Amino acid sequence: MAGYYKAEYIWIDGSEPTSKLRSKTKIVPEGQEPPIWGFDGSSTNQAPGSNSDCVLKPVFVCPDPIRGGKNKLVLNEVLLTDMTPHPSNTRAACAATAKKYASHDTWFGIEQEYTFFEGSKPLGWPDNGFPAPQGPYYCGVGADEVFGREIVEAHTDACLVAGLQIAGTNGEVMPGQWEFQIGALASPAVADHLWVARWLLYRIAEDFGVNATLDPKPVKGDWNGAGAHTNFSTKEMRSNYQACVAAAEALGKRAKLHIENYGFGIEGRLTGLHETASYKTYTYGVSNRGASVRIPWQVARDKKGYIEDRRPNANMDPYVVTRLIVETVCSAADAKGGSKTGAKASTNGAARGRKIPAKKKAAARR
């Protein structure tokens, strides 16, 4: 009798204002790839009860580090029953934009911040009142400064076993707050990896009785919010500093559109305080973490590299964010005659989601 494996089908639902991850298990015969499947869209804000069927189309498959063995995690796009993208499917547009501008060979590194909660309070916080002011917690060490490290280590190990392009982790400024980095990868692959890494974070935290949240301002007051700083480069930027400056300036010309699509509740995080620029303004500068977009000092020194868009919220949709950045920067470059898009773009390896060679990775860390 043939064997079987468990395939955990993961998808992004239609919750508003911020989508949630959903998953369910399918038993698949060994040797068979995960097939197209379906679900009840009326229970995920993706269909009415009178016409509830939605389609799950596998787009990214990796080993399941939780179940182990031959079991798999399966990330899916959501389709309508006529096999066209569901309105909640943001990956389809992201993939189309990546293909259109593939000749620019775009790379991303995303810094995903998040906060552990135990019940109604951040992990490690006292039952009443507040911990000591922020300062010692960022990249800290010691039981009085670090909360949840065992969960972080388990999550990191799981990402590595799954083959995700995780680049690092660190404790963040607020106690109970952490970050992991995904990249460097092209779009939409970087978003695929990030969504699966998010699912693993939530799932592993379950085993510790802890909730991981992407709330961009989990604690009001004099505490840092949680973002998803997005590092970005094109092949032109990786060889020419002026292209980095041009990219920063292009983002400024569509600043309002980006802010509107960088995650719900962005006004509460981008206040001009706590290492942010106000959502009402757009600025960029070298080594400036109080700017909308930072040009790292190494890039200014080397006269080539990448830029960091510091505006996206922790709860942003990486398909939407990477699509907008590619569209904004690459269309501006094309308008200036920087590069042509066309048939040859479809043969670009990075655009199809290959990993960037380690020796050529764009920085994907703070």
Protein backbone atom coordinates (compact mmCIF):
# COMPACT_ATOMS: atom_id res chain seq x y z
CA MET A 1 0.00 0.00 0.00
CA ALA A 2 1.33 3.39 -0.98
CA GLY A 3 2.30 5.82 1.72
CA TYR A 4 0.93 9.27 2.34
CA TYR A 5 2.09 12.64 3.60
CA LYS A 6 0.33 15.57 5.25
CA ALA A 7 0.17 18.79 3.26
CA GLU A 8 -0.70 21.88 5.28
CA TYR A 9 -2.48 24.19 2.83
CA ILE A 10 -1.91 27.83 3.81
CA TRP A 11 -3.73 30.81 2.32
CA ILE A 12 -4.47 34.47 2.94
CA ASP A 13 -8.09 35.26 3.72
CA GLY A 14 -10.34 38.25 3.06
CA SER A 15 -10.39 39.72 6.57
CA GLU A 16 -10.49 43.51 6.74
CA PRO A 17 -8.73 45.80 7.31
CA THR A 18 -5.86 43.29 7.61
CA SER A 19 -5.83 39.83 6.06
CA LYS A 20 -5.25 36.76 8.21
CA LEU A 21 -3.58 33.44 7.51
CA ARG A 22 -5.66 30.28 7.34
CA SER A 23 -4.61 26.65 6.94
CA LYS A 24 -5.96 23.12 6.80
CA THR A 25 -4.50 19.66 6.23
CA LYS A 26 -4.82 17.45 3.15
CA ILE A 27 -3.60 13.84 3.04
CA VAL A 28 -1.74 13.32 -0.24
CA PRO A 29 -0.34 10.06 -1.70
CA GLU A 30 3.46 9.89 -1.70
CA GLY A 31 4.93 10.84 -5.05
CA GLN A 32 2.03 13.15 -5.86
CA GLU A 33 2.42 16.92 -5.83
CA PRO A 34 -0.11 18.88 -3.76
CA PRO A 35 -3.13 19.31 -6.06
CA ILE A 36 -5.55 22.18 -6.46
CA TRP A 37 -8.02 22.11 -3.55
CA GLY A 38 -10.86 24.25 -2.22
CA PHE A 39 -12.43 25.80 0.88
CA ASP A 40 -15.53 27.52 2.21
CA GLY A 41 -15.04 31.18 1.34
CA SER A 42 -18.15 32.19 3.28
CA SER A 43 -16.20 31.50 6.49
CA THR A 44 -13.18 33.63 5.48
CA ASN A 45 -14.88 36.77 4.12
CA GLN A 46 -14.14 35.63 0.56
CA ALA A 47 -17.54 34.44 -0.69
CA PRO A 48 -21.28 34.53 0.12
CA GLY A 49 -22.92 31.44 1.55
CA SER A 50 -25.01 31.04 -1.61
CA ASN A 51 -21.87 30.65 -3.75
CA SER A 52 -19.21 29.75 -1.22
CA ASP A 53 -16.60 27.67 -3.05
CA CYS A 54 -13.12 29.13 -3.51
CA VAL A 55 -10.07 27.48 -5.07
CA LEU A 56 -6.61 26.92 -3.55
CA LYS A 57 -3.81 26.86 -6.13
CA PRO A 58 -0.38 25.84 -4.75
CA VAL A 59 2.35 28.39 -5.56
CA PHE A 60 5.10 27.55 -3.05
CA VAL A 61 5.85 24.20 -1.40
CA CYS A 62 8.47 23.49 1.27
CA PRO A 63 9.25 20.88 3.94
CA ASP A 64 7.06 21.02 7.04
CA PRO A 65 9.48 21.55 9.96
CA ILE A 66 6.77 20.98 12.58
CA ARG A 67 5.48 17.59 11.46
CA GLY A 68 8.79 16.58 9.90
CA GLY A 69 9.26 13.54 7.68
CA LYS A 70 7.86 13.85 4.17
CA ASN A 71 5.17 16.32 5.21
CA LYS A 72 4.90 19.68 3.44
CA LEU A 73 3.75 23.25 3.84
CA VAL A 74 1.82 24.48 0.81
CA LEU A 75 1.27 28.21 0.24
CA ASN A 76 -1.64 28.94 -2.09
CA GLU A 77 -3.16 31.65 -4.20
CA VAL A 78 -6.93 31.98 -3.88
CA LEU A 79 -8.86 31.71 -7.14
CA LEU A 80 -12.50 31.94 -8.14
CA THR A 81 -14.07 28.78 -9.54
CA ASP A 82 -13.46 30.06 -13.09
CA MET A 83 -9.74 29.89 -12.18
CA THR A 84 -9.20 33.64 -12.26
CA PRO A 85 -7.62 35.46 -9.27
CA HIS A 86 -9.97 36.10 -6.35
CA PRO A 87 -10.35 39.83 -5.51
CA SER A 88 -8.44 39.18 -2.26
CA ASN A 89 -5.54 37.62 -4.19
CA THR A 90 -2.78 40.23 -4.19
CA ARG A 91 -0.08 37.81 -5.38
CA ALA A 92 -1.31 37.69 -8.98
CA ALA A 93 -0.78 41.42 -9.54
CA CYS A 94 2.56 41.25 -7.74
CA ALA A 95 3.77 38.45 -10.03
CA ALA A 96 2.60 40.31 -13.14
CA THR A 97 4.46 43.46 -12.11
CA ALA A 98 7.61 41.48 -11.32
CA LYS A 99 7.48 39.92 -14.79
CA LYS A 100 6.89 43.28 -16.48
CA TYR A 101 9.99 44.81 -14.87
CA ALA A 102 12.11 41.64 -14.67
CA SER A 103 14.95 43.20 -16.68
CA HIS A 104 15.72 45.39 -13.63
CA ASP A 105 16.57 42.25 -11.58
CA THR A 106 14.96 43.50 -8.36
CA TRP A 107 15.98 42.14 -4.93
CA PHE A 108 14.23 42.57 -1.59
CA GLY A 109 15.11 42.03 2.05
CA ILE A 110 12.23 42.51 4.50
CA GLU A 111 12.67 43.10 8.25
CA GLN A 112 9.59 41.66 9.96
CA GLU A 113 9.03 43.08 13.44
CA TYR A 114 6.44 41.51 15.74
CA THR A 115 5.45 41.43 19.41
CA PHE A 116 4.77 38.46 21.69
CA PHE A 117 1.68 38.72 23.88
CA GLU A 118 0.77 36.54 26.82
CA GLY A 119 -2.89 37.18 27.45
CA SER A 120 -3.58 40.90 27.31
CA LYS A 121 -0.01 42.12 27.88
CA PRO A 122 3.29 41.86 26.01
CA LEU A 123 5.39 38.89 27.05
CA GLY A 124 7.58 39.72 30.06
CA TRP A 125 5.63 42.81 31.10
CA PRO A 126 4.48 43.11 34.73
CA ASP A 127 0.85 42.36 35.54
CA ASN A 128 0.37 45.96 36.61
CA GLY A 129 2.14 49.01 35.22
CA PHE A 130 5.02 49.08 32.79
CA PRO A 131 8.57 47.72 32.56
CA ALA A 132 11.59 50.01 32.70
CA PRO A 133 11.76 52.49 29.79
CA GLN A 134 13.04 51.19 26.47
CA GLY A 135 16.77 51.35 25.94
CA PRO A 136 18.41 48.11 27.12
CA TYR A 137 16.08 45.72 25.30
CA TYR A 138 17.30 46.14 21.69
CA CYS A 139 19.64 43.21 20.99
CA GLY A 140 19.77 42.70 24.76
CA VAL A 141 20.80 39.70 26.81
CA GLY A 142 19.68 38.50 30.23
CA ALA A 143 16.39 37.38 31.74
CA ASP A 144 15.57 40.93 32.84
CA GLU A 145 15.80 42.26 29.27
CA VAL A 146 14.89 39.40 26.94
CA PHE A 147 11.51 37.65 26.77
CA GLY A 148 10.64 34.85 24.36
CA ARG A 149 14.07 33.85 23.11
CA GLU A 150 13.18 30.14 23.20
CA ILE A 151 10.28 30.81 20.80
CA VAL A 152 12.52 32.86 18.52
CA GLU A 153 15.12 30.08 18.38
CA ALA A 154 12.46 27.48 17.60
CA HIS A 155 11.05 29.70 14.85
CA THR A 156 14.47 30.34 13.32
CA ASP A 157 15.28 26.63 13.28
CA ALA A 158 11.92 25.88 11.66
CA CYS A 159 12.50 28.46 8.91
CA LEU A 160 15.90 26.93 8.16
CA VAL A 161 14.50 23.40 7.98
CA ALA A 162 11.72 24.65 5.68
CA GLY A 163 14.34 26.15 3.37
CA LEU A 164 13.11 29.71 3.82
CA GLN A 165 15.55 32.50 3.08
CA ILE A 166 15.76 33.76 6.66
CA ALA A 167 18.72 36.09 7.07
CA GLY A 168 18.77 36.80 10.81
CA THR A 169 16.89 37.68 13.99
CA ASN A 170 17.24 40.21 16.81
CA GLY A 171 15.48 41.55 19.88
CA GLU A 172 13.77 44.89 19.26
CA VAL A 173 13.48 48.17 21.16
CA MET A 174 10.33 47.35 23.13
CA PRO A 175 10.46 44.40 25.57
CA GLY A 176 8.70 41.37 24.12
CA GLN A 177 9.28 42.66 20.59
CA TRP A 178 11.45 40.85 18.03
CA GLU A 179 12.43 40.89 14.39
CA PHE A 180 13.42 38.39 11.72
CA GLN A 181 14.65 39.15 8.23
CA ILE A 182 13.75 37.45 4.95
CA GLY A 183 15.83 37.91 1.81
CA ALA A 184 17.48 38.64 -0.42
CA LEU A 185 14.94 37.39 -2.93
CA ALA A 186 13.09 38.69 -5.94
CA SER A 187 9.38 39.43 -5.87
CA PRO A 188 7.00 37.61 -5.42
CA ALA A 189 9.27 34.93 -3.90
CA VAL A 190 10.28 37.17 -0.98
CA ALA A 191 6.61 37.61 -0.08
CA ASP A 192 5.97 33.87 -0.39
CA HIS A 193 8.78 33.18 2.08
CA LEU A 194 7.59 35.92 4.43
CA TRP A 195 4.00 34.65 4.54
CA VAL A 196 5.16 31.11 5.33
CA ALA A 197 7.57 32.45 7.97
CA ARG A 198 4.68 34.35 9.54
CA TRP A 199 2.57 31.18 9.61
CA LEU A 200 5.40 29.29 11.28
CA LEU A 201 5.78 32.07 13.85
CA TYR A 202 2.11 31.89 14.81
CA ARG A 203 2.06 28.10 14.82
CA ILE A 204 5.21 27.69 16.93
CA ALA A 205 4.10 30.36 19.41
CA GLU A 206 0.94 28.26 19.96
CA ASP A 207 3.06 25.56 21.60
CA PHE A 208 4.31 28.10 24.16
CA GLY A 209 0.87 29.53 24.93
CA VAL A 210 1.93 32.84 23.41
CA ASN A 211 0.43 34.99 20.65
CA ALA A 212 2.61 36.75 18.09
CA THR A 213 1.03 39.93 16.75
CA LEU A 214 1.90 42.22 13.84
CA ASP A 215 0.02 45.16 15.39
CA PRO A 216 1.97 48.25 14.24
CA LYS A 217 1.46 50.02 17.59
CA PRO A 218 0.87 47.26 20.14
CA VAL A 219 1.35 49.56 23.15
CA LYS A 220 0.33 53.20 23.03
CA GLY A 221 2.58 55.89 24.43
CA ASP A 222 6.37 56.17 24.54
CA TRP A 223 7.08 52.77 23.00
CA ASN A 224 8.33 51.86 19.53
CA GLY A 225 5.84 50.51 17.05
CA ALA A 226 6.39 47.48 14.83
CA GLY A 227 7.34 47.86 11.18
CA ALA A 228 8.48 45.84 8.19
CA HIS A 229 11.36 47.88 6.83
CA THR A 230 11.80 46.89 3.20
CA ASN A 231 15.24 46.92 1.60
CA PHE A 232 15.25 47.14 -2.17
CA SER A 233 17.66 47.25 -5.08
CA THR A 234 17.77 46.92 -8.84
CA LYS A 235 20.78 45.88 -10.88
CA GLU A 236 21.26 49.57 -11.70
CA MET A 237 21.30 50.50 -8.01
CA ARG A 238 23.79 47.75 -7.22
CA SER A 239 26.29 49.40 -9.55
CA ASN A 240 25.37 53.10 -9.47
CA TYR A 241 24.75 55.40 -6.50
CA GLN A 242 22.76 57.90 -8.55
CA ALA A 243 20.26 55.13 -9.28
CA CYS A 244 19.80 54.70 -5.50
CA VAL A 245 19.09 58.42 -5.14
CA ALA A 246 16.73 58.30 -8.13
CA ALA A 247 14.85 55.39 -6.53
CA ALA A 248 14.41 57.34 -3.28
CA GLU A 249 13.15 60.35 -5.22
CA ALA A 250 10.74 58.22 -7.26
CA LEU A 251 9.19 56.82 -4.07
CA GLY A 252 8.59 60.37 -2.89
CA LYS A 253 6.53 61.19 -5.97
CA ARG A 254 3.99 58.50 -5.08
CA ALA A 255 4.27 58.78 -1.30
CA LYS A 256 0.53 59.07 -0.64
CA LEU A 257 -0.29 55.94 -2.64
CA HIS A 258 2.36 53.95 -0.78
CA ILE A 259 1.25 55.15 2.66
CA GLU A 260 -2.34 54.15 1.84
CA ASN A 261 -1.16 50.61 1.05
CA TYR A 262 1.55 50.04 3.66
CA GLY A 263 -0.66 48.56 6.38
CA PHE A 264 -3.70 49.48 8.47
CA GLY A 265 -3.08 51.83 11.39
CA ILE A 266 0.02 53.41 9.86
CA GLU A 267 -0.90 56.84 11.23
CA GLY A 268 -0.43 55.56 14.79
CA ARG A 269 3.08 54.33 14.05
CA LEU A 270 4.50 56.92 11.63
CA THR A 271 4.30 59.87 14.00
CA GLY A 272 7.75 61.39 13.54
CA LEU A 273 8.84 59.85 16.86
CA HIS A 274 10.39 56.47 17.75
CA GLU A 275 12.62 56.23 14.67
CA THR A 276 9.90 57.14 12.17
CA ALA A 277 9.09 59.96 9.81
CA SER A 278 5.55 61.33 9.90
CA TYR A 279 3.13 59.72 7.46
CA LYS A 280 2.26 63.26 6.37
CA THR A 281 5.72 63.97 4.97
CA TYR A 282 8.29 62.24 2.78
CA THR A 283 12.02 62.46 3.38
CA TYR A 284 15.12 60.44 2.57
CA GLY A 285 18.67 60.65 3.82
CA VAL A 286 21.91 58.83 4.43
CA SER A 287 22.00 56.81 7.67
CA ASN A 288 18.81 58.53 8.84
CA ARG A 289 16.37 56.25 10.68
CA GLY A 290 14.06 59.20 11.19
CA ALA A 291 13.52 59.48 7.43
CA SER A 292 10.89 57.79 5.29
CA VAL A 293 13.65 56.15 3.26
CA ARG A 294 17.18 55.52 4.51
CA ILE A 295 20.25 55.23 2.32
CA PRO A 296 22.71 53.16 4.37
CA TRP A 297 26.07 54.78 5.03
CA GLN A 298 27.87 51.90 3.32
CA VAL A 299 25.90 52.61 0.16
CA ALA A 300 26.89 56.29 0.25
CA ARG A 301 30.51 55.25 0.78
CA ASP A 302 30.59 52.52 -1.86
CA LYS A 303 28.53 54.57 -4.33
CA LYS A 304 26.23 51.62 -5.03
CA GLY A 305 23.84 49.27 -3.22
CA TYR A 306 20.25 49.54 -2.01
CA ILE A 307 17.77 51.69 -0.09
CA GLU A 308 15.53 50.97 2.90
CA ASP A 309 11.87 51.99 2.84
CA ARG A 310 11.12 52.38 6.56
CA ARG A 311 7.42 53.14 6.16
CA PRO A 312 5.72 49.72 5.80
CA ASN A 313 3.88 48.48 8.89
CA ALA A 314 4.51 45.09 10.46
CA ASN A 315 1.02 44.10 9.28
CA MET A 316 1.61 45.07 5.65
CA ASP A 317 0.91 42.71 2.75
CA PRO A 318 4.33 42.00 1.21
CA TYR A 319 2.76 41.26 -2.18
CA VAL A 320 1.30 44.78 -2.22
CA VAL A 321 4.41 46.52 -0.86
CA THR A 322 6.88 44.84 -3.21
CA ARG A 323 4.59 45.39 -6.19
CA LEU A 324 4.29 49.09 -5.47
CA ILE A 325 8.03 49.55 -4.96
CA VAL A 326 8.90 47.72 -8.18
CA GLU A 327 6.25 49.60 -10.12
CA THR A 328 7.21 53.02 -8.76
CA VAL A 329 10.98 52.73 -9.01
CA CYS A 330 11.26 50.75 -12.23
CA SER A 331 8.66 52.75 -14.17
CA ALA A 332 10.51 55.93 -13.21
CA ALA A 333 13.81 54.40 -14.35
CA ASP A 334 12.27 53.34 -17.65
CA ALA A 335 10.85 56.83 -18.18
CA LYS A 336 14.39 58.17 -17.90
CA GLY A 337 15.68 55.54 -20.31
CA GLY A 338 17.41 53.50 -17.60
CA SER A 339 16.29 50.07 -18.78
CA LYS A 340 13.87 48.42 -21.15
CA THR A 341 11.30 45.81 -20.25
CA GLY A 342 10.34 43.17 -22.77
CA ALA A 343 10.38 39.57 -23.86
CA LYS A 344 13.84 38.85 -22.51
CA ALA A 345 12.66 39.70 -19.01
CA SER A 346 10.77 36.42 -18.68
CA THR A 347 14.04 34.47 -18.77
CA ASN A 348 15.44 36.27 -15.74
CA GLY A 349 16.13 33.74 -12.97
CA ALA A 350 15.55 36.12 -10.06
CA ALA A 351 12.11 37.05 -11.35
CA ARG A 352 11.12 33.39 -11.27
CA GLY A 353 11.93 33.26 -7.58
CA ARG A 354 15.42 31.78 -7.44
CA LYS A 355 17.53 32.56 -4.42
CA ILE A 356 20.07 35.30 -4.91
CA PRO A 357 23.60 33.85 -4.69
CA ALA A 358 24.94 34.33 -1.16
CA LYS A 359 27.97 36.29 -2.31
CA LYS A 360 25.72 38.73 -4.14
CA LYS A 361 22.98 39.20 -1.53
CA ALA A 362 21.70 42.68 -0.85
CA ALA A 363 21.76 43.50 2.83
CA ALA A 364 18.57 42.43 4.58
CA ARG A 365 19.22 43.62 8.08
CA ARG A 366 19.21 46.80 10.11
